[in-house]
PDB file of all heavy atoms in Angstrom:
ATOM      1  N   LEU A   1     -11.311 -51.244  -4.799  1.00  0.00           N
ATOM      2  CA  LEU A   1     -10.546 -51.163  -3.554  1.00  0.00           C
ATOM      3  C   LEU A   1     -10.902 -52.312  -2.618  1.00  0.00           C
ATOM      4  O   LEU A   1     -10.021 -52.922  -2.005  1.00  0.00           O
ATOM      5  CB  LEU A   1     -10.807 -49.828  -2.847  1.00  0.00           C
ATOM      6  CG  LEU A   1     -10.042 -48.613  -3.334  1.00  0.00           C
ATOM      7  CD1 LEU A   1     -10.501 -47.365  -2.583  1.00  0.00           C
ATOM      8  CD2 LEU A   1      -8.552 -48.808  -3.163  1.00  0.00           C
ATOM      9  N   GLU A   2     -12.192 -52.591  -2.502  1.00  0.00           N
ATOM     10  CA  GLU A   2     -12.635 -53.682  -1.636  1.00  0.00           C
ATOM     11  C   GLU A   2     -12.096 -55.023  -2.140  1.00  0.00           C
ATOM     12  O   GLU A   2     -11.645 -55.856  -1.350  1.00  0.00           O
ATOM     13  CB  GLU A   2     -14.160 -53.723  -1.564  1.00  0.00           C
ATOM     14  CG  GLU A   2     -14.753 -52.575  -0.781  1.00  0.00           C
ATOM     15  CD  GLU A   2     -16.272 -52.522  -0.856  1.00  0.00           C
ATOM     16  OE1 GLU A   2     -16.859 -53.180  -1.745  1.00  0.00           O
ATOM     17  OE2 GLU A   2     -16.861 -51.831  -0.024  1.00  0.00           O
ATOM     18  N   ALA A   3     -12.131 -55.231  -3.443  1.00  0.00           N
ATOM     19  CA  ALA A   3     -11.632 -56.483  -4.020  1.00  0.00           C
ATOM     20  C   ALA A   3     -10.128 -56.619  -3.807  1.00  0.00           C
ATOM     21  O   ALA A   3      -9.643 -57.708  -3.474  1.00  0.00           O
ATOM     22  CB  ALA A   3     -11.965 -56.552  -5.510  1.00  0.00           C
ATOM     23  N   ASP A   4      -9.394 -55.527  -3.993  1.00  0.00           N
ATOM     24  CA  ASP A   4      -7.949 -55.563  -3.764  1.00  0.00           C
ATOM     25  C   ASP A   4      -7.634 -55.874  -2.306  1.00  0.00           C
ATOM     26  O   ASP A   4      -6.739 -56.667  -2.012  1.00  0.00           O
ATOM     27  CB  ASP A   4      -7.297 -54.238  -4.174  1.00  0.00           C
ATOM     28  CG  ASP A   4      -7.307 -54.007  -5.677  1.00  0.00           C
ATOM     29  OD1 ASP A   4      -7.570 -54.971  -6.433  1.00  0.00           O
ATOM     30  OD2 ASP A   4      -7.052 -52.857  -6.096  1.00  0.00           O
ATOM     31  N   ALA A   5      -8.365 -55.250  -1.385  1.00  0.00           N
ATOM     32  CA  ALA A   5      -8.144 -55.494   0.045  1.00  0.00           C
ATOM     33  C   ALA A   5      -8.455 -56.948   0.386  1.00  0.00           C
ATOM     34  O   ALA A   5      -7.720 -57.589   1.158  1.00  0.00           O
ATOM     35  CB  ALA A   5      -9.000 -54.545   0.878  1.00  0.00           C
ATOM     36  N   GLU A   6      -9.515 -57.479  -0.180  1.00  0.00           N
ATOM     37  CA  GLU A   6      -9.879 -58.881   0.062  1.00  0.00           C
ATOM     38  C   GLU A   6      -8.798 -59.811  -0.474  1.00  0.00           C
ATOM     39  O   GLU A   6      -8.447 -60.808   0.180  1.00  0.00           O
ATOM     40  CB  GLU A   6     -11.226 -59.203  -0.586  1.00  0.00           C
ATOM     41  CG  GLU A   6     -11.677 -60.629  -0.427  1.00  0.00           C
ATOM     42  CD  GLU A   6     -11.979 -61.030   1.010  1.00  0.00           C
ATOM     43  OE1 GLU A   6     -12.267 -60.154   1.840  1.00  0.00           O
ATOM     44  OE2 GLU A   6     -11.921 -62.239   1.303  1.00  0.00           O
ATOM     45  N   ALA A   7      -8.257 -59.500  -1.641  1.00  0.00           N
ATOM     46  CA  ALA A   7      -7.204 -60.337  -2.225  1.00  0.00           C
ATOM     47  C   ALA A   7      -5.961 -60.333  -1.343  1.00  0.00           C
ATOM     48  O   ALA A   7      -5.331 -61.381  -1.141  1.00  0.00           O
ATOM     49  CB  ALA A   7      -6.865 -59.855  -3.634  1.00  0.00           C
ATOM     50  N   VAL A   8      -5.611 -59.186  -0.800  1.00  0.00           N
ATOM     51  CA  VAL A   8      -4.453 -59.096   0.092  1.00  0.00           C
ATOM     52  C   VAL A   8      -4.690 -59.938   1.347  1.00  0.00           C
ATOM     53  O   VAL A   8      -3.796 -60.666   1.789  1.00  0.00           O
ATOM     54  CB  VAL A   8      -4.157 -57.621   0.451  1.00  0.00           C
ATOM     55  CG1 VAL A   8      -3.177 -57.507   1.597  1.00  0.00           C
ATOM     56  CG2 VAL A   8      -3.629 -56.876  -0.767  1.00  0.00           C
ATOM     57  N   MET A   9      -5.884 -59.856   1.911  1.00  0.00           N
ATOM     58  CA  MET A   9      -6.197 -60.644   3.112  1.00  0.00           C
ATOM     59  C   MET A   9      -6.152 -62.137   2.804  1.00  0.00           C
ATOM     60  O   MET A   9      -5.653 -62.929   3.611  1.00  0.00           O
ATOM     61  CB  MET A   9      -7.561 -60.237   3.671  1.00  0.00           C
ATOM     62  CG  MET A   9      -7.539 -58.872   4.313  1.00  0.00           C
ATOM     63  SD  MET A   9      -9.035 -58.306   5.178  1.00  0.00           S
ATOM     64  CE  MET A   9     -10.323 -59.343   4.643  1.00  0.00           C
ATOM     65  N   GLN A  10      -6.666 -62.536   1.653  1.00  0.00           N
ATOM     66  CA  GLN A  10      -6.645 -63.957   1.287  1.00  0.00           C
ATOM     67  C   GLN A  10      -5.215 -64.449   1.079  1.00  0.00           C
ATOM     68  O   GLN A  10      -4.872 -65.565   1.472  1.00  0.00           O
ATOM     69  CB  GLN A  10      -7.490 -64.195   0.042  1.00  0.00           C
ATOM     70  CG  GLN A  10      -8.974 -64.104   0.300  1.00  0.00           C
ATOM     71  CD  GLN A  10      -9.804 -64.340  -0.953  1.00  0.00           C
ATOM     72  OE1 GLN A  10      -9.279 -64.551  -2.040  1.00  0.00           O
ATOM     73  NE2 GLN A  10     -11.118 -64.315  -0.789  1.00  0.00           N
ATOM     74  N   GLU A  11      -4.383 -63.615   0.451  1.00  0.00           N
ATOM     75  CA  GLU A  11      -2.982 -63.994   0.257  1.00  0.00           C
ATOM     76  C   GLU A  11      -2.269 -64.145   1.590  1.00  0.00           C
ATOM     77  O   GLU A  11      -1.485 -65.082   1.785  1.00  0.00           O
ATOM     78  CB  GLU A  11      -2.270 -62.957  -0.608  1.00  0.00           C
ATOM     79  CG  GLU A  11      -2.658 -62.993  -2.070  1.00  0.00           C
ATOM     80  CD  GLU A  11      -2.011 -61.877  -2.864  1.00  0.00           C
ATOM     81  OE1 GLU A  11      -0.957 -61.342  -2.439  1.00  0.00           O
ATOM     82  OE2 GLU A  11      -2.557 -61.530  -3.927  1.00  0.00           O
ATOM     83  N   ALA A  12      -2.531 -63.236   2.528  1.00  0.00           N
ATOM     84  CA  ALA A  12      -1.910 -63.317   3.851  1.00  0.00           C
ATOM     85  C   ALA A  12      -2.369 -64.573   4.581  1.00  0.00           C
ATOM     86  O   ALA A  12      -1.560 -65.265   5.223  1.00  0.00           O
ATOM     87  CB  ALA A  12      -2.240 -62.066   4.662  1.00  0.00           C
ATOM     88  N   ALA A  13      -3.650 -64.894   4.489  1.00  0.00           N
ATOM     89  CA  ALA A  13      -4.173 -66.099   5.142  1.00  0.00           C
ATOM     90  C   ALA A  13      -3.557 -67.354   4.522  1.00  0.00           C
ATOM     91  O   ALA A  13      -3.204 -68.301   5.240  1.00  0.00           O
ATOM     92  CB  ALA A  13      -5.689 -66.143   5.039  1.00  0.00           C
ATOM     93  N   ALA A  14      -3.409 -67.365   3.213  1.00  0.00           N
ATOM     94  CA  ALA A  14      -2.804 -68.521   2.541  1.00  0.00           C
ATOM     95  C   ALA A  14      -1.350 -68.676   2.962  1.00  0.00           C
ATOM     96  O   ALA A  14      -0.870 -69.801   3.181  1.00  0.00           O
ATOM     97  CB  ALA A  14      -2.915 -68.366   1.025  1.00  0.00           C
ATOM     98  N   GLU A  15      -0.643 -67.558   3.094  1.00  0.00           N
ATOM     99  CA  GLU A  15       0.755 -67.601   3.529  1.00  0.00           C
ATOM    100  C   GLU A  15       0.855 -68.132   4.957  1.00  0.00           C
ATOM    101  O   GLU A  15       1.734 -68.940   5.262  1.00  0.00           O
ATOM    102  CB  GLU A  15       1.383 -66.216   3.427  1.00  0.00           C
ATOM    103  CG  GLU A  15       2.824 -66.143   3.894  1.00  0.00           C
ATOM    104  CD  GLU A  15       3.793 -67.002   3.096  1.00  0.00           C
ATOM    105  OE1 GLU A  15       3.468 -67.370   1.946  1.00  0.00           O
ATOM    106  OE2 GLU A  15       4.875 -67.316   3.614  1.00  0.00           O
ATOM    107  N   GLN A  16      -0.059 -67.721   5.829  1.00  0.00           N
ATOM    108  CA  GLN A  16      -0.061 -68.222   7.210  1.00  0.00           C
ATOM    109  C   GLN A  16      -0.317 -69.727   7.237  1.00  0.00           C
ATOM    110  O   GLN A  16       0.327 -70.456   7.997  1.00  0.00           O
ATOM    111  CB  GLN A  16      -1.110 -67.488   8.043  1.00  0.00           C
ATOM    112  CG  GLN A  16      -0.724 -66.070   8.394  1.00  0.00           C
ATOM    113  CD  GLN A  16      -1.829 -65.361   9.170  1.00  0.00           C
ATOM    114  OE1 GLN A  16      -2.967 -65.825   9.229  1.00  0.00           O
ATOM    115  NE2 GLN A  16      -1.488 -64.224   9.756  1.00  0.00           N
ATOM    116  N   ARG A  17      -1.257 -70.178   6.406  1.00  0.00           N
ATOM    117  CA  ARG A  17      -1.540 -71.615   6.347  1.00  0.00           C
ATOM    118  C   ARG A  17      -0.317 -72.388   5.836  1.00  0.00           C
ATOM    119  O   ARG A  17       0.006 -73.461   6.347  1.00  0.00           O
ATOM    120  CB  ARG A  17      -2.760 -71.895   5.464  1.00  0.00           C
ATOM    121  CG  ARG A  17      -4.081 -71.495   6.092  1.00  0.00           C
ATOM    122  CD  ARG A  17      -5.272 -72.001   5.295  1.00  0.00           C
ATOM    123  NE  ARG A  17      -5.294 -71.537   3.915  1.00  0.00           N
ATOM    124  CZ  ARG A  17      -5.851 -70.384   3.509  1.00  0.00           C
ATOM    125  NH1 ARG A  17      -6.429 -69.586   4.383  1.00  0.00           N
ATOM    126  NH2 ARG A  17      -5.829 -70.054   2.234  1.00  0.00           N
ATOM    127  N   ARG A  18       0.356 -71.842   4.843  1.00  0.00           N
ATOM    128  CA  ARG A  18       1.552 -72.499   4.296  1.00  0.00           C
ATOM    129  C   ARG A  18       2.643 -72.594   5.354  1.00  0.00           C
ATOM    130  O   ARG A  18       3.263 -73.647   5.533  1.00  0.00           O
ATOM    131  CB  ARG A  18       2.064 -71.730   3.075  1.00  0.00           C
ATOM    132  CG  ARG A  18       3.223 -72.429   2.348  1.00  0.00           C
ATOM    133  CD  ARG A  18       3.850 -71.545   1.279  1.00  0.00           C
ATOM    134  NE  ARG A  18       4.430 -70.338   1.820  1.00  0.00           N
ATOM    135  CZ  ARG A  18       5.595 -70.274   2.480  1.00  0.00           C
ATOM    136  NH1 ARG A  18       6.280 -71.367   2.722  1.00  0.00           N
ATOM    137  NH2 ARG A  18       6.071 -69.128   2.913  1.00  0.00           N
ATOM    138  N   GLN A  19       2.865 -71.500   6.086  1.00  0.00           N
ATOM    139  CA  GLN A  19       3.892 -71.500   7.121  1.00  0.00           C
ATOM    140  C   GLN A  19       3.541 -72.484   8.244  1.00  0.00           C
ATOM    141  O   GLN A  19       4.404 -73.194   8.757  1.00  0.00           O
ATOM    142  CB  GLN A  19       4.087 -70.097   7.682  1.00  0.00           C
ATOM    143  CG  GLN A  19       4.779 -69.164   6.732  1.00  0.00           C
ATOM    144  CD  GLN A  19       4.899 -67.734   7.271  1.00  0.00           C
ATOM    145  OE1 GLN A  19       4.407 -67.436   8.355  1.00  0.00           O
ATOM    146  NE2 GLN A  19       5.545 -66.871   6.504  1.00  0.00           N
ATOM    147  N   ALA A  20       2.273 -72.527   8.616  1.00  0.00           N
ATOM    148  CA  ALA A  20       1.845 -73.455   9.656  1.00  0.00           C
ATOM    149  C   ALA A  20       2.039 -74.899   9.205  1.00  0.00           C
ATOM    150  O   ALA A  20       2.490 -75.753   9.987  1.00  0.00           O
ATOM    151  CB  ALA A  20       0.380 -73.212  10.014  1.00  0.00           C
ATOM    152  N   ALA A  21       1.755 -75.188   7.939  1.00  0.00           N
ATOM    153  CA  ALA A  21       1.962 -76.532   7.407  1.00  0.00           C
ATOM    154  C   ALA A  21       3.434 -76.895   7.410  1.00  0.00           C
ATOM    155  O   ALA A  21       3.822 -78.033   7.736  1.00  0.00           O
ATOM    156  CB  ALA A  21       1.387 -76.643   6.004  1.00  0.00           C
ATOM    157  N   GLU A  22       4.294 -75.938   7.053  1.00  0.00           N
ATOM    158  CA  GLU A  22       5.743 -76.184   7.080  1.00  0.00           C
ATOM    159  C   GLU A  22       6.227 -76.470   8.495  1.00  0.00           C
ATOM    160  O   GLU A  22       7.056 -77.352   8.716  1.00  0.00           O
ATOM    161  CB  GLU A  22       6.490 -74.986   6.489  1.00  0.00           C
ATOM    162  CG  GLU A  22       6.388 -74.856   4.995  1.00  0.00           C
ATOM    163  CD  GLU A  22       7.110 -73.611   4.463  1.00  0.00           C
ATOM    164  OE1 GLU A  22       7.641 -72.817   5.272  1.00  0.00           O
ATOM    165  OE2 GLU A  22       7.130 -73.435   3.229  1.00  0.00           O
ATOM    166  N   GLN A  23       5.693 -75.715   9.472  1.00  0.00           N
ATOM    167  CA  GLN A  23       6.088 -75.922  10.869  1.00  0.00           C
ATOM    168  C   GLN A  23       5.637 -77.300  11.365  1.00  0.00           C
ATOM    169  O   GLN A  23       6.380 -77.974  12.078  1.00  0.00           O
ATOM    170  CB  GLN A  23       5.531 -74.808  11.755  1.00  0.00           C
ATOM    171  CG  GLN A  23       6.198 -73.476  11.544  1.00  0.00           C
ATOM    172  CD  GLN A  23       5.526 -72.359  12.324  1.00  0.00           C
ATOM    173  OE1 GLN A  23       4.469 -72.539  12.910  1.00  0.00           O
ATOM    174  NE2 GLN A  23       6.146 -71.179  12.298  1.00  0.00           N
ATOM    175  N   ARG A  24       4.432 -77.686  10.993  1.00  0.00           N
ATOM    176  CA  ARG A  24       3.941 -79.010  11.381  1.00  0.00           C
ATOM    177  C   ARG A  24       4.802 -80.120  10.751  1.00  0.00           C
ATOM    178  O   ARG A  24       5.130 -81.112  11.403  1.00  0.00           O
ATOM    179  CB  ARG A  24       2.472 -79.180  10.986  1.00  0.00           C
ATOM    180  CG  ARG A  24       1.501 -78.447  11.896  1.00  0.00           C
ATOM    181  CD  ARG A  24       0.053 -78.855  11.631  1.00  0.00           C
ATOM    182  NE  ARG A  24      -0.368 -78.650  10.247  1.00  0.00           N
ATOM    183  CZ  ARG A  24      -0.882 -77.518   9.759  1.00  0.00           C
ATOM    184  NH1 ARG A  24      -1.035 -76.468  10.551  1.00  0.00           N
ATOM    185  NH2 ARG A  24      -1.255 -77.447   8.499  1.00  0.00           N
ATOM    186  N   ALA A  25       5.155 -79.917   9.495  1.00  0.00           N
ATOM    187  CA  ALA A  25       5.981 -80.911   8.804  1.00  0.00           C
ATOM    188  C   ALA A  25       7.361 -80.992   9.438  1.00  0.00           C
ATOM    189  O   ALA A  25       7.911 -82.092   9.623  1.00  0.00           O
ATOM    190  CB  ALA A  25       6.088 -80.576   7.320  1.00  0.00           C
TER     191      ALA A  25
END
């Protein structure tokens, strides 16, 4: 459960970084 929750948080953080990069571009 902890590993799954961590994976979800990492995916969300990666998505936020991707969106921020797109906005900057």
